[in-house]
Amino acid sequence: MRVRLYYVDRLRVFAFGLLILYHSSAAFFPDMGWLLHSENTSRGLSLVMDFPRAWRFALLFFISGMGVAFTFKPEQGLTFIYKRTVRLLIPLLFAMAVIVVPQVWYERMYENGYTGSFLEFWLTRYFTEGKYPTGNFTWAHMWFVAYLLVMSVICYPIFQYLLRPGNPIFAWFERVAKTGAIYLFFLLPLGLNLALSPIYPRETNALYNDGAWFAVWASWFGLGFLISRHHRALIGTLIARRYVSGGIALATTIWLYLASWTVAPEQAIGSYDVNETLLFKTSVFLLAWSMILTLIGFAARYLNQPSERLVTMNRLVFPLYIVHQTVTVGALYYVLPLDLPAIQSFALVAAATAVISIAFAVVVDQLPSPLRQLVGLTEKPQLARDGEALERSARRG
């Protein structure tokens, strides 16, 4: 890619912003026991968040796959693996050893009545009492980074193979993706999930026993890579079909609300976590894929303007992600005892998470080079020269 696709930057910032809203709301769902859980819950808030819950991580992995495609060069060899390891493993280990620790400390105080100081908990209990949830040591929300690292290593030889000149699979993908059959690609993650679910029945975010969902996330990651590598050929079609994609997403959303999210469990076609039937999973995966295509189509058409501020925001997203859940849990610990209505508490927690996480990202962005790697930051790049990020033919779509 010789020009910057600013709409991808905007989608990345949007996806992580949505994640902050979702995590800030999870404590107030009546049917979910999150890290800290409020006695004052909101069924309405839970219903609203049922919609992004279906596609938020699919979008994140898809955008991550697009990002890898922008920089992946087959001739680099194992340099790609080295760079990805440095970029992802260092902040993963640092977060597990430092940034994630307050989450567990707050949870143990709130749920189990622990009274020791943070320093005491960190030095005497966090590393020594086994892995979470029965113990304390955990990667918490950083599972996303661990999964990205592992799937980058696994996908490396696959990407190398696909990018060989004249590869028939690579050419076939482009031909099919130009047609209406592109809407059937959600069957790849769905099929892998259904095939592996008998072996790995639960979504755990623990990697070693999460094969069914790792395959799902790797599929979205791979589709993002392929769409990005075929960007010049496909973006016009994705833009032209944006209303079709949006219509499919809207119809599927209405169906899920009417058939699952707003009805009694015994009447529903299925549900998250408890009763993920074939029909429910098919509907959720279709919604995820159609939402991705909708967002790509509309963002590429209307949100591809250059912006120095956007480049900065995109750079700060990774450290913001690293710290955000710790801030959310800490905010919950201090807000929940106020016994406010659920919506007010949610608003306070979301605002605190956004403000403190952004402030953290801005501060660590001033760190010198060796320390920047601890929070996933590389050297500050110069703003890319303005240029047409979409081809002229695509803009006509």
Foldseek 3Di string as FASTA:
>chain_A
DQADQLLLLVLLLVLLLVVLLLLLQQLQDPPDDDLHHFPFHDLVSVLVVVLVVLASLLSNLLSLLLVCLVPDDLVVPCVSLVVLCLLQVLLLVLLQLPQCQLSLVLSCCRPVVDDDDSVCCSPPFQPPQDPPDVGHRDSVPSLSSVLVSVLCVVCSVVVSQLPDPPDPVLVVVLVCLLDPCVLVLLVQLLVLLVVCCVQQVACDSPPVRHRSVSSNSSSSSNVSSSCNNCVQSRLLSLQVCLVVLVVQLVVLSVCCCVQPSPDDCVRHPADPPPGCDSVNSVSSSSNNSSVSSNSSNVSSQPPRFDDPVSLVSSQLSQLLSSNLSSQLSVLCSVQSVVVDRSVVSSVSSSVRSVVVSVVVSVVLLPDDAVSNSNRSHHPDDDRDDDDNPHDPSSNVD
